[in-house]
Amino acid sequence: MATRTFPFSTLINKQTSVFPALADADVILERRDAENLVLMRSERFEAMVKGLGLAARSLAIIAKANRPLAEEVFAEELPWLTWLPAEARPECISELLDHLLAGAETGLLLPFSRALREWQSTAEIYSDPELARRLRGPFDTEDSIAVPRPGGGDA
């Protein structure tokens, strides 16, 4: 689907230049001090939600019936999975599938997005064996100093 981008102020000041764009595109409203907003016709939104739900449920069914196939699909779409230890990949895929399925059913996809970002960050750490080793510990605290708590409390 095509998108058109407008400053948020255009919606406030010249609505007649924004709304016609919704006939054949979704509209991204750029805001300076906050996250951008998306405007779309309800028909396109409902189609997107239904399509996502069907895709998520289908993927979950495939994953339950053929875990190696689901891993292969995810590995193709998420190449960073190869950096995770082999024993962590099934947990990652299962968690992502669970969040995706729940999000498709409820329309709440932020938990899926967070889990995806967290797993990718974890994989990126494993991609650097030295960093992964240092983060596993043990930690050298000999040269550590106490840092005060935010808000003025003692450490």
C-alpha atoms as a PDB file:
ATOM      1  CA  MET A   1       0.000   0.000   0.000  1.00  0.00           C
ATOM      2  CA  ALA A   2       1.230   3.446  -0.833  1.00  0.00           C
ATOM      3  CA  THR A   3       1.794   5.998   1.882  1.00  0.00           C
ATOM      4  CA  ARG A   4       1.787   9.769   1.799  1.00  0.00           C
ATOM      5  CA  THR A   5       3.524  11.863   4.427  1.00  0.00           C
ATOM      6  CA  PHE A   6       2.364  15.224   5.740  1.00  0.00           C
ATOM      7  CA  PRO A   7       3.435  17.395   8.651  1.00  0.00           C
ATOM      8  CA  PHE A   8       0.916  17.100  11.483  1.00  0.00           C
ATOM      9  CA  SER A   9       0.330  20.842  11.226  1.00  0.00           C
ATOM     10  CA  THR A  10      -1.076  20.315   7.723  1.00  0.00           C
ATOM     11  CA  LEU A  11      -3.873  18.198   9.192  1.00  0.00           C
ATOM     12  CA  ILE A  12      -4.645  20.941  11.696  1.00  0.00           C
ATOM     13  CA  ASN A  13      -4.388  23.871   9.282  1.00  0.00           C
ATOM     14  CA  LYS A  14      -5.413  22.408   5.897  1.00  0.00           C
ATOM     15  CA  GLN A  15      -7.500  19.267   6.420  1.00  0.00           C
ATOM     16  CA  THR A  16      -8.714  19.410   2.846  1.00  0.00           C
ATOM     17  CA  SER A  17      -5.214  18.634   1.586  1.00  0.00           C
ATOM     18  CA  VAL A  18      -4.775  15.555   3.821  1.00  0.00           C
ATOM     19  CA  PHE A  19      -8.083  13.684   3.676  1.00  0.00           C
ATOM     20  CA  PRO A  20      -8.221  13.249  -0.125  1.00  0.00           C
ATOM     21  CA  ALA A  21      -4.903  11.367   0.065  1.00  0.00           C
ATOM     22  CA  LEU A  22      -6.700   8.627   2.028  1.00  0.00           C
ATOM     23  CA  ALA A  23      -8.518   7.556  -1.135  1.00  0.00           C
ATOM     24  CA  ASP A  24      -5.499   5.624  -2.389  1.00  0.00           C
ATOM     25  CA  ALA A  25      -2.881   5.784   0.378  1.00  0.00           C
ATOM     26  CA  ASP A  26      -2.356   5.634   4.108  1.00  0.00           C
ATOM     27  CA  VAL A  27      -1.207   8.924   5.597  1.00  0.00           C
ATOM     28  CA  ILE A  28       1.739   9.344   7.943  1.00  0.00           C
ATOM     29  CA  LEU A  29       1.515  12.501  10.031  1.00  0.00           C
ATOM     30  CA  GLU A  30       4.975  13.614  11.109  1.00  0.00           C
ATOM     31  CA  ARG A  31       5.160  15.260  14.520  1.00  0.00           C
ATOM     32  CA  ARG A  32       8.198  17.100  15.823  1.00  0.00           C
ATOM     33  CA  ASP A  33       7.937  16.268  19.510  1.00  0.00           C
ATOM     34  CA  ALA A  34       6.154  12.920  19.506  1.00  0.00           C
ATOM     35  CA  GLU A  35       5.786   9.705  17.563  1.00  0.00           C
ATOM     36  CA  ASN A  36       4.342   9.966  14.082  1.00  0.00           C
ATOM     37  CA  LEU A  37       0.703   9.035  13.563  1.00  0.00           C
ATOM     38  CA  VAL A  38      -0.878   6.950  10.816  1.00  0.00           C
ATOM     39  CA  LEU A  39      -4.291   7.651   9.311  1.00  0.00           C
ATOM     40  CA  MET A  40      -5.979   5.009   7.190  1.00  0.00           C
ATOM     41  CA  ARG A  41      -9.440   4.130   6.039  1.00  0.00           C
ATOM     42  CA  SER A  42     -11.158   1.607   8.310  1.00  0.00           C
ATOM     43  CA  GLU A  43     -11.644  -0.809   5.401  1.00  0.00           C
ATOM     44  CA  ARG A  44      -7.862  -1.015   4.868  1.00  0.00           C
ATOM     45  CA  PHE A  45      -7.230  -1.256   8.614  1.00  0.00           C
ATOM     46  CA  GLU A  46      -9.710  -4.129   9.029  1.00  0.00           C
ATOM     47  CA  ALA A  47      -8.222  -5.921   6.023  1.00  0.00           C
ATOM     48  CA  MET A  48      -4.739  -5.547   7.502  1.00  0.00           C
ATOM     49  CA  VAL A  49      -5.860  -6.875  10.897  1.00  0.00           C
ATOM     50  CA  LYS A  50      -7.664  -9.852   9.335  1.00  0.00           C
ATOM     51  CA  GLY A  51      -4.719 -10.624   7.066  1.00  0.00           C
ATOM     52  CA  LEU A  52      -2.249 -10.433   9.924  1.00  0.00           C
ATOM     53  CA  GLY A  53      -4.459 -12.644  12.082  1.00  0.00           C
ATOM     54  CA  LEU A  54      -4.742 -15.267   9.366  1.00  0.00           C
ATOM     55  CA  ALA A  55      -1.005 -15.184   8.685  1.00  0.00           C
ATOM     56  CA  ALA A  56      -0.127 -15.460  12.381  1.00  0.00           C
ATOM     57  CA  ARG A  57      -2.544 -18.329  13.012  1.00  0.00           C
ATOM     58  CA  SER A  58      -1.322 -20.132   9.887  1.00  0.00           C
ATOM     59  CA  LEU A  59       2.284 -19.728  10.943  1.00  0.00           C
ATOM     60  CA  ALA A  60       1.467 -20.980  14.440  1.00  0.00           C
ATOM     61  CA  ILE A  61      -0.246 -24.082  13.009  1.00  0.00           C
ATOM     62  CA  ILE A  62       2.744 -24.773  10.776  1.00  0.00           C
ATOM     63  CA  ALA A  63       5.109 -24.283  13.714  1.00  0.00           C
ATOM     64  CA  LYS A  64       3.195 -26.771  15.857  1.00  0.00           C
ATOM     65  CA  ALA A  65       3.061 -29.356  13.077  1.00  0.00           C
ATOM     66  CA  ASN A  66       6.559 -28.859  11.715  1.00  0.00           C
ATOM     67  CA  ARG A  67       8.906 -26.963  14.031  1.00  0.00           C
ATOM     68  CA  PRO A  68      11.928 -27.283  11.702  1.00  0.00           C
ATOM     69  CA  LEU A  69       9.929 -25.653   8.889  1.00  0.00           C
ATOM     70  CA  ALA A  70       8.921 -22.758  11.172  1.00  0.00           C
ATOM     71  CA  GLU A  71      12.542 -22.323  12.216  1.00  0.00           C
ATOM     72  CA  GLU A  72      13.576 -22.322   8.572  1.00  0.00           C
ATOM     73  CA  VAL A  73      10.961 -19.677   7.729  1.00  0.00           C
ATOM     74  CA  PHE A  74      11.977 -17.494  10.667  1.00  0.00           C
ATOM     75  CA  ALA A  75      15.692 -17.968   9.908  1.00  0.00           C
ATOM     76  CA  GLU A  76      15.094 -16.806   6.354  1.00  0.00           C
ATOM     77  CA  GLU A  77      13.131 -13.768   7.489  1.00  0.00           C
ATOM     78  CA  LEU A  78      15.286 -13.112  10.582  1.00  0.00           C
ATOM     79  CA  PRO A  79      18.854 -14.008   9.588  1.00  0.00           C
ATOM     80  CA  TRP A  80      20.193 -12.884  12.971  1.00  0.00           C
ATOM     81  CA  LEU A  81      18.679 -16.069  14.506  1.00  0.00           C
ATOM     82  CA  THR A  82      21.846 -17.876  13.423  1.00  0.00           C
ATOM     83  CA  TRP A  83      23.788 -15.893  16.041  1.00  0.00           C
ATOM     84  CA  LEU A  84      21.703 -17.308  18.886  1.00  0.00           C
ATOM     85  CA  PRO A  85      22.962 -20.501  20.511  1.00  0.00           C
ATOM     86  CA  ALA A  86      21.184 -23.505  18.955  1.00  0.00           C
ATOM     87  CA  GLU A  87      19.420 -24.279  22.243  1.00  0.00           C
ATOM     88  CA  ALA A  88      17.973 -20.718  22.422  1.00  0.00           C
ATOM     89  CA  ARG A  89      16.472 -20.662  18.908  1.00  0.00           C
ATOM     90  CA  PRO A  90      13.386 -22.792  19.702  1.00  0.00           C
ATOM     91  CA  GLU A  91      12.649 -20.606  22.743  1.00  0.00           C
ATOM     92  CA  CYS A  92      13.013 -17.460  20.630  1.00  0.00           C
ATOM     93  CA  ILE A  93      10.793 -18.769  17.840  1.00  0.00           C
ATOM     94  CA  SER A  94       8.177 -20.040  20.278  1.00  0.00           C
ATOM     95  CA  GLU A  95       8.057 -16.738  22.156  1.00  0.00           C
ATOM     96  CA  LEU A  96       7.849 -14.701  18.951  1.00  0.00           C
ATOM     97  CA  LEU A  97       5.116 -16.930  17.540  1.00  0.00           C
ATOM     98  CA  ASP A  98       3.135 -16.734  20.793  1.00  0.00           C
ATOM     99  CA  HIS A  99       3.367 -12.931  20.864  1.00  0.00           C
ATOM    100  CA  LEU A 100       2.507 -12.674  17.174  1.00  0.00           C
ATOM    101  CA  LEU A 101      -0.534 -14.915  17.551  1.00  0.00           C
ATOM    102  CA  ALA A 102      -1.746 -13.062  20.652  1.00  0.00           C
ATOM    103  CA  GLY A 103      -1.183  -9.738  18.920  1.00  0.00           C
ATOM    104  CA  ALA A 104      -3.054 -10.840  15.831  1.00  0.00           C
ATOM    105  CA  GLU A 105      -6.012 -11.857  17.981  1.00  0.00           C
ATOM    106  CA  THR A 106      -6.065  -8.727  20.150  1.00  0.00           C
ATOM    107  CA  GLY A 107      -4.585  -6.067  17.896  1.00  0.00           C
ATOM    108  CA  LEU A 108      -1.867  -5.428  20.502  1.00  0.00           C
ATOM    109  CA  LEU A 109       1.390  -5.957  18.628  1.00  0.00           C
ATOM    110  CA  LEU A 110       3.707  -3.967  20.904  1.00  0.00           C
ATOM    111  CA  PRO A 111       4.603  -7.059  23.000  1.00  0.00           C
ATOM    112  CA  PHE A 112       5.607  -8.833  19.770  1.00  0.00           C
ATOM    113  CA  SER A 113       7.639  -5.822  18.667  1.00  0.00           C
ATOM    114  CA  ARG A 114       9.396  -5.646  22.063  1.00  0.00           C
ATOM    115  CA  ALA A 115      10.175  -9.378  22.061  1.00  0.00           C
ATOM    116  CA  LEU A 116      11.504  -9.166  18.503  1.00  0.00           C
ATOM    117  CA  ARG A 117      13.768  -6.240  19.429  1.00  0.00           C
ATOM    118  CA  GLU A 118      14.955  -7.984  22.628  1.00  0.00           C
ATOM    119  CA  TRP A 119      15.777 -11.255  20.875  1.00  0.00           C
ATOM    120  CA  GLN A 120      17.599  -9.421  18.086  1.00  0.00           C
ATOM    121  CA  SER A 121      19.652  -7.512  20.668  1.00  0.00           C
ATOM    122  CA  THR A 122      20.481 -10.800  22.394  1.00  0.00           C
ATOM    123  CA  ALA A 123      21.536 -12.337  19.075  1.00  0.00           C
ATOM    124  CA  GLU A 124      23.740  -9.339  18.322  1.00  0.00           C
ATOM    125  CA  ILE A 125      25.508  -9.832  21.649  1.00  0.00           C
ATOM    126  CA  TYR A 126      26.139 -13.493  20.808  1.00  0.00           C
ATOM    127  CA  SER A 127      27.543 -12.430  17.426  1.00  0.00           C
ATOM    128  CA  ASP A 128      30.517 -11.007  19.325  1.00  0.00           C
ATOM    129  CA  PRO A 129      31.943 -13.906  21.379  1.00  0.00           C
ATOM    130  CA  GLU A 130      34.153 -11.606  23.459  1.00  0.00           C
ATOM    131  CA  LEU A 131      31.227  -9.349  24.376  1.00  0.00           C
ATOM    132  CA  ALA A 132      29.039 -12.366  25.188  1.00  0.00           C
ATOM    133  CA  ARG A 133      31.786 -13.777  27.434  1.00  0.00           C
ATOM    134  CA  ARG A 134      32.227 -10.470  29.274  1.00  0.00           C
ATOM    135  CA  LEU A 135      28.484 -10.056  29.831  1.00  0.00           C
ATOM    136  CA  ARG A 136      28.174 -13.568  31.286  1.00  0.00           C
ATOM    137  CA  GLY A 137      30.621 -12.637  34.035  1.00  0.00           C
ATOM    138  CA  PRO A 138      32.270 -12.974  36.409  1.00  0.00           C
ATOM    139  CA  PHE A 139      32.508  -9.228  36.778  1.00  0.00           C
ATOM    140  CA  ASP A 140      35.601  -7.466  38.057  1.00  0.00           C
ATOM    141  CA  THR A 141      34.351  -5.062  40.710  1.00  0.00           C
ATOM    142  CA  GLU A 142      37.770  -4.156  42.124  1.00  0.00           C
ATOM    143  CA  ASP A 143      37.827  -0.701  40.501  1.00  0.00           C
ATOM    144  CA  SER A 144      34.101  -0.068  40.884  1.00  0.00           C
ATOM    145  CA  ILE A 145      32.760   3.034  42.560  1.00  0.00           C
ATOM    146  CA  ALA A 146      29.387   3.589  44.184  1.00  0.00           C
ATOM    147  CA  VAL A 147      26.996   5.598  42.059  1.00  0.00           C
ATOM    148  CA  PRO A 148      24.198   7.527  43.757  1.00  0.00           C
ATOM    149  CA  ARG A 149      20.648   6.490  42.976  1.00  0.00           C
ATOM    150  CA  PRO A 150      18.697   8.792  40.685  1.00  0.00           C
ATOM    151  CA  GLY A 151      16.701  11.257  42.727  1.00  0.00           C
ATOM    152  CA  GLY A 152      19.393  11.872  45.327  1.00  0.00           C
ATOM    153  CA  GLY A 153      19.181   8.651  47.396  1.00  0.00           C
ATOM    154  CA  ASP A 154      22.266   6.801  48.609  1.00  0.00           C
ATOM    155  CA  ALA A 155      23.782   4.014  46.527  1.00  0.00           C
END
